[in-house]
Amino acid sequence: MLCGGWLTQKKWESLNLNISRRTRLFLQLEDFFWREHLSNLALPYGIKGSELLLLKVLAVTANYQVPANIEKLECRTCVVVGNGFAIKNSSLGSLINQYDVVIRLNDAPVRGYEEDVGNKTTMRLFYPESASYDPGLHNEPGALMVLVPFKQQDLRWLKEILYDEKRVRKGFWRPPPQIWLGDVSKIRVLDPHFLHQTADRLLRIPLNPGTKQKPVHPTTGILAVFVALNYCDVVHVAGFGYPNSKSQRVPIHYYGYDTMRSMKNSYHDLNHEAEALKRLEDSGSILYLHPHF
């Protein structure tokens, strides 16, 4: 696999995002006090107004890095495993397991699907509504559980879990787990910088839409691709792509029974994201491991 810092930088520059790469992915306590004045955006794109919640969460998690054996690699090969139907019957599992970093999304299962999706997980991006109560079921013991905070309630949920406080159930579009068995030492909080830049630079969606406009946020999938482009030297993807939107009954995931119809009222612009992924593919920044729509 082509690798090396110079090549990675060239690839990054070819994206024309006019921002520098950032390989430090997670919020950490030490620099928090210095960053306070830097964030003039609230969640999901900044930490303004959430500082106290974050201080409490980060004081308990107390780990803010990617594991040292990955950090020290001179060349990091990464695969982002999407949840799309395209990966079903692909037999990509053993190939996926060979990458240095395997990024998974939300509550996508691994057990029972290993032949297609592998069983190695380096990090899993999730938010409370997409958390499964026992991360150990579909993740290896060392997998990092990376919270993507979209709103203050997401941080409050994690704080209540960590401090074993009374759970507040309001403010979620789907009830999150009231008991969550995540290993505290493996919990990370993704820096909102990445969601902000995915929206602003990669997708170019309005951060402050007018009152008549429905707000649009990036999917966890395209966010994970952007995170990988920052952190990794080689970025491959699998399980991305939605069926043609005319086919409302076609399954959209490699598991479960959700169809395109279930995406109708989502806060995502899937066509826009598909165009962005196509640009990344055409520029050679990402490579798909299978044919796709």
Protein backbone atom coordinates (compact mmCIF):
# COMPACT_ATOMS: atom_id res chain seq x y z
CA MET A 1 0.00 0.00 0.00
CA LEU A 2 1.34 3.43 -0.93
CA CYS A 3 2.32 5.23 2.20
CA GLY A 4 4.46 7.91 3.76
CA GLY A 5 4.02 11.36 5.26
CA TRP A 6 4.88 13.28 2.08
CA LEU A 7 2.35 11.34 0.02
CA THR A 8 -0.31 11.70 2.70
CA GLN A 9 0.19 15.47 2.79
CA LYS A 10 -0.05 15.66 -1.02
CA LYS A 11 -3.30 13.68 -0.93
CA TRP A 12 -4.66 15.96 1.78
CA GLU A 13 -3.75 19.10 -0.17
CA SER A 14 -5.48 17.71 -3.27
CA LEU A 15 -8.79 17.87 -1.36
CA ASN A 16 -8.60 21.70 -1.47
CA LEU A 17 -10.26 22.03 1.95
CA ASN A 18 -7.91 24.86 2.98
CA ILE A 19 -7.46 23.46 6.47
CA SER A 20 -4.54 21.57 7.96
CA ARG A 21 -4.73 17.92 8.92
CA ARG A 22 -5.38 17.21 12.57
CA THR A 23 -4.24 13.85 13.91
CA ARG A 24 -5.30 14.45 17.50
CA LEU A 25 -8.86 13.23 17.46
CA PHE A 26 -10.25 13.43 20.97
CA LEU A 27 -11.01 16.15 23.50
CA GLN A 28 -8.72 16.04 26.52
CA LEU A 29 -8.73 17.66 29.91
CA GLU A 30 -5.27 19.24 29.88
CA ASP A 31 -5.77 21.68 27.05
CA PHE A 32 -9.42 22.27 27.81
CA PHE A 33 -8.89 25.41 29.87
CA TRP A 34 -6.83 26.96 27.10
CA ARG A 35 -9.39 26.15 24.42
CA GLU A 36 -12.38 27.58 26.23
CA HIS A 37 -12.22 30.95 24.53
CA LEU A 38 -11.51 29.41 21.12
CA SER A 39 -14.90 27.79 20.66
CA ASN A 40 -17.59 30.24 19.67
CA LEU A 41 -19.85 27.49 18.35
CA ALA A 42 -22.17 25.29 20.37
CA LEU A 43 -22.67 21.57 19.77
CA PRO A 44 -22.62 19.79 17.41
CA TYR A 45 -19.88 22.00 15.93
CA GLY A 46 -18.18 23.38 19.05
CA ILE A 47 -18.09 23.11 22.84
CA LYS A 48 -19.51 26.52 23.77
CA GLY A 49 -21.96 26.11 26.65
CA SER A 50 -20.93 22.49 27.29
CA GLU A 51 -17.66 23.14 29.10
CA LEU A 52 -18.77 22.05 32.57
CA LEU A 53 -20.32 18.82 31.32
CA LEU A 54 -17.15 18.04 29.39
CA LEU A 55 -14.91 18.75 32.37
CA LYS A 56 -16.88 16.26 34.43
CA VAL A 57 -16.84 13.59 31.71
CA LEU A 58 -13.16 13.97 30.82
CA ALA A 59 -12.11 13.97 34.49
CA VAL A 60 -13.48 10.42 34.77
CA THR A 61 -12.47 8.97 31.39
CA ALA A 62 -8.91 10.29 31.84
CA ASN A 63 -7.68 8.68 28.58
CA TYR A 64 -7.48 10.82 25.49
CA GLN A 65 -5.22 9.02 23.03
CA VAL A 66 -5.34 6.33 20.40
CA PRO A 67 -3.46 3.21 21.64
CA ALA A 68 0.33 3.65 21.50
CA ASN A 69 0.89 0.71 19.14
CA ILE A 70 -1.14 2.58 16.49
CA GLU A 71 0.12 6.07 17.34
CA LYS A 72 3.74 5.05 16.74
CA LEU A 73 3.13 3.58 13.27
CA GLU A 74 4.88 5.52 10.52
CA CYS A 75 2.13 4.57 8.11
CA ARG A 76 -1.42 3.93 9.26
CA THR A 77 -3.73 1.93 7.03
CA CYS A 78 -7.39 2.44 7.84
CA VAL A 79 -10.72 1.08 6.71
CA VAL A 80 -14.05 2.70 7.51
CA VAL A 81 -16.73 0.01 7.60
CA GLY A 82 -20.08 1.54 6.76
CA ASN A 83 -23.37 -0.13 7.58
CA GLY A 84 -24.62 -0.27 4.00
CA PHE A 85 -26.19 -3.24 2.24
CA ALA A 86 -23.38 -3.15 -0.34
CA ILE A 87 -21.07 -5.07 2.01
CA LYS A 88 -23.48 -8.00 2.38
CA ASN A 89 -22.15 -11.20 0.76
CA SER A 90 -18.87 -9.42 -0.03
CA SER A 91 -16.63 -11.84 1.94
CA LEU A 92 -14.41 -8.86 2.85
CA GLY A 93 -14.09 -9.85 6.51
CA SER A 94 -10.58 -11.28 6.46
CA LEU A 95 -9.29 -8.34 4.40
CA ILE A 96 -10.88 -5.79 6.77
CA ASN A 97 -9.16 -7.47 9.74
CA GLN A 98 -5.73 -6.76 8.18
CA TYR A 99 -5.91 -2.96 8.45
CA ASP A 100 -4.14 -1.14 11.29
CA VAL A 101 -7.29 0.82 12.13
CA VAL A 102 -10.85 -0.43 11.64
CA ILE A 103 -13.52 2.21 12.25
CA ARG A 104 -17.13 1.10 12.76
CA LEU A 105 -20.34 3.06 13.16
CA ASN A 106 -23.15 3.26 15.67
CA ASP A 107 -24.65 -0.09 16.72
CA ALA A 108 -23.75 -2.08 13.60
CA PRO A 109 -23.35 -5.74 14.63
CA VAL A 110 -20.25 -7.85 14.06
CA ARG A 111 -21.21 -11.25 15.48
CA GLY A 112 -22.88 -13.35 12.84
CA TYR A 113 -21.57 -11.09 10.04
CA GLU A 114 -17.82 -11.71 10.42
CA GLU A 115 -17.38 -13.17 6.94
CA ASP A 116 -18.47 -9.89 5.34
CA VAL A 117 -17.45 -7.23 7.88
CA GLY A 118 -14.62 -8.84 9.88
CA ASN A 119 -14.43 -8.74 13.67
CA LYS A 120 -11.60 -6.30 14.38
CA THR A 121 -12.66 -2.93 15.78
CA THR A 122 -10.20 -0.17 16.64
CA MET A 123 -12.80 2.50 17.27
CA ARG A 124 -16.54 2.82 17.00
CA LEU A 125 -18.20 6.20 16.55
CA PHE A 126 -21.59 6.46 18.22
CA TYR A 127 -24.07 8.77 19.95
CA PRO A 128 -26.47 7.86 22.79
CA GLU A 129 -29.40 6.90 20.56
CA SER A 130 -27.14 4.54 18.60
CA ALA A 131 -25.45 2.95 21.63
CA SER A 132 -26.03 -0.70 22.44
CA TYR A 133 -26.13 -1.33 26.18
CA ASP A 134 -23.21 -3.80 26.11
CA PRO A 135 -20.41 -2.67 23.76
CA GLY A 136 -18.60 -5.94 24.53
CA LEU A 137 -21.04 -7.90 22.37
CA HIS A 138 -19.85 -6.54 19.04
CA ASN A 139 -16.45 -5.02 19.82
CA GLU A 140 -13.08 -6.40 20.81
CA PRO A 141 -12.01 -5.63 24.41
CA GLY A 142 -9.56 -2.93 23.26
CA ALA A 143 -11.96 -1.07 20.98
CA LEU A 144 -12.37 2.64 21.67
CA MET A 145 -15.95 3.83 22.09
CA VAL A 146 -15.94 7.32 20.59
CA LEU A 147 -18.88 9.53 21.52
CA VAL A 148 -19.90 12.03 18.84
CA PRO A 149 -21.80 14.67 20.84
CA PHE A 150 -24.53 16.27 18.73
CA LYS A 151 -26.23 18.05 21.65
CA GLN A 152 -25.75 18.77 25.34
CA GLN A 153 -28.05 15.89 26.30
CA ASP A 154 -25.52 13.49 24.74
CA LEU A 155 -22.81 14.62 27.16
CA ARG A 156 -25.29 14.64 30.03
CA TRP A 157 -26.20 11.02 29.22
CA LEU A 158 -22.54 9.99 29.43
CA LYS A 159 -21.99 11.99 32.63
CA GLU A 160 -24.99 10.32 34.29
CA ILE A 161 -23.66 6.89 33.28
CA LEU A 162 -20.14 7.66 34.53
CA TYR A 163 -21.28 9.17 37.84
CA ASP A 164 -24.20 6.76 38.24
CA GLU A 165 -26.65 9.63 38.58
CA LYS A 166 -30.38 9.69 37.98
CA ARG A 167 -30.97 9.40 34.23
CA VAL A 168 -32.80 12.18 32.40
CA ARG A 169 -34.74 10.68 29.52
CA LYS A 170 -35.89 13.86 27.80
CA GLY A 171 -34.27 15.33 24.71
CA PHE A 172 -33.53 12.17 22.71
CA TRP A 173 -35.23 11.12 19.49
CA ARG A 174 -34.90 7.50 20.62
CA PRO A 175 -34.39 6.40 24.25
CA PRO A 176 -30.69 5.70 24.85
CA PRO A 177 -29.63 2.82 27.13
CA GLN A 178 -30.19 3.59 30.82
CA ILE A 179 -27.47 1.07 31.64
CA TRP A 180 -24.35 1.14 29.48
CA LEU A 181 -21.53 -1.30 30.12
CA GLY A 182 -18.77 0.59 28.30
CA ASP A 183 -15.24 0.28 29.70
CA VAL A 184 -14.43 3.74 31.12
CA SER A 185 -10.77 3.52 30.03
CA LYS A 186 -11.88 3.01 26.41
CA ILE A 187 -14.31 5.96 26.21
CA ARG A 188 -13.29 8.96 24.10
CA VAL A 189 -15.12 12.14 23.05
CA LEU A 190 -14.54 13.17 19.45
CA ASP A 191 -13.45 16.77 19.04
CA PRO A 192 -16.40 18.66 17.44
CA HIS A 193 -13.81 20.22 15.10
CA PHE A 194 -14.21 17.16 12.89
CA LEU A 195 -17.99 17.38 12.53
CA HIS A 196 -17.67 21.13 11.97
CA GLN A 197 -15.14 20.70 9.17
CA THR A 198 -17.01 17.77 7.63
CA ALA A 199 -20.09 19.99 7.38
CA ASP A 200 -18.35 23.23 6.46
CA ARG A 201 -15.46 22.18 4.21
CA LEU A 202 -16.27 18.72 2.89
CA LEU A 203 -20.06 18.99 2.46
CA ARG A 204 -20.36 22.80 2.44
CA ILE A 205 -23.70 22.72 4.20
CA PRO A 206 -25.01 25.83 5.99
CA LEU A 207 -24.12 25.73 9.68
CA ASN A 208 -26.89 28.17 10.60
CA PRO A 209 -29.81 27.45 8.27
CA GLY A 210 -32.73 29.87 8.13
CA THR A 211 -35.77 29.19 10.27
CA LYS A 212 -37.67 27.75 7.31
CA GLN A 213 -34.86 25.39 6.39
CA LYS A 214 -34.59 21.97 7.98
CA PRO A 215 -31.16 21.64 9.63
CA VAL A 216 -28.86 19.14 7.96
CA HIS A 217 -26.04 17.30 9.73
CA PRO A 218 -23.42 14.92 8.33
CA THR A 219 -24.02 11.20 8.84
CA THR A 220 -21.72 9.31 11.20
CA GLY A 221 -20.38 7.55 8.10
CA ILE A 222 -19.08 10.59 6.24
CA LEU A 223 -17.79 11.99 9.54
CA ALA A 224 -15.81 8.77 10.07
CA VAL A 225 -14.32 9.07 6.58
CA PHE A 226 -13.22 12.64 7.32
CA VAL A 227 -11.71 11.55 10.66
CA ALA A 228 -9.82 8.78 8.83
CA LEU A 229 -8.51 11.22 6.21
CA ASN A 230 -7.06 13.31 9.04
CA TYR A 231 -5.56 10.44 11.02
CA CYS A 232 -4.58 7.82 8.45
CA ASP A 233 -2.15 7.55 5.55
CA VAL A 234 -4.29 5.08 3.60
CA VAL A 235 -8.10 5.25 3.73
CA HIS A 236 -10.28 2.51 2.28
CA VAL A 237 -14.04 2.23 2.71
CA ALA A 238 -16.61 -0.54 2.56
CA GLY A 239 -20.34 -0.65 3.18
CA PHE A 240 -21.01 2.84 1.83
CA GLY A 241 -23.68 3.88 -0.63
CA TYR A 242 -27.46 3.87 -0.43
CA PRO A 243 -29.71 2.19 -2.99
CA ASN A 244 -31.27 4.33 -5.68
CA SER A 245 -33.84 6.40 -3.78
CA LYS A 246 -36.58 5.26 -6.17
CA SER A 247 -36.39 1.81 -4.60
CA GLN A 248 -38.01 2.56 -1.24
CA ARG A 249 -38.21 -1.10 -0.17
CA VAL A 250 -34.61 -2.13 -0.71
CA PRO A 251 -32.72 -2.78 2.58
CA ILE A 252 -30.19 -0.07 3.41
CA HIS A 253 -28.09 -1.99 5.98
CA TYR A 254 -26.28 -5.33 5.92
CA TYR A 255 -28.34 -6.21 9.00
CA GLY A 256 -31.93 -5.53 10.06
CA TYR A 257 -34.87 -4.47 7.94
CA ASP A 258 -34.59 -0.70 7.53
CA THR A 259 -35.35 0.55 4.02
CA MET A 260 -34.90 3.89 2.24
CA ARG A 261 -38.37 4.79 3.46
CA SER A 262 -37.02 4.98 7.03
CA MET A 263 -34.52 7.65 5.93
CA LYS A 264 -37.19 9.93 4.50
CA ASN A 265 -37.37 12.32 7.45
CA SER A 266 -33.73 12.17 8.50
CA TYR A 267 -31.51 15.21 9.05
CA HIS A 268 -29.11 14.06 6.34
CA ASP A 269 -28.64 15.00 2.69
CA LEU A 270 -27.64 11.62 1.28
CA ASN A 271 -27.28 12.77 -2.33
CA HIS A 272 -24.96 15.55 -1.25
CA GLU A 273 -22.86 13.09 0.76
CA ALA A 274 -22.70 10.67 -2.18
CA GLU A 275 -21.29 13.49 -4.33
CA ALA A 276 -18.66 14.28 -1.70
CA LEU A 277 -17.62 10.62 -1.49
CA LYS A 278 -17.40 10.52 -5.29
CA ARG A 279 -15.07 13.54 -5.22
CA LEU A 280 -12.90 11.81 -2.62
CA GLU A 281 -12.84 8.63 -4.70
CA ASP A 282 -12.03 10.47 -7.93
CA SER A 283 -9.16 12.31 -6.27
CA GLY A 284 -7.69 9.02 -5.02
CA SER A 285 -8.15 10.00 -1.38
CA ILE A 286 -10.33 6.98 -0.64
CA LEU A 287 -10.69 3.60 -2.28
CA TYR A 288 -13.80 1.42 -2.16
CA LEU A 289 -13.24 -2.27 -1.45
CA HIS A 290 -16.28 -3.33 -3.48
CA PRO A 291 -18.45 -2.17 -6.40
CA HIS A 292 -20.93 0.48 -5.30
CA PHE A 293 -23.87 2.52 -6.53
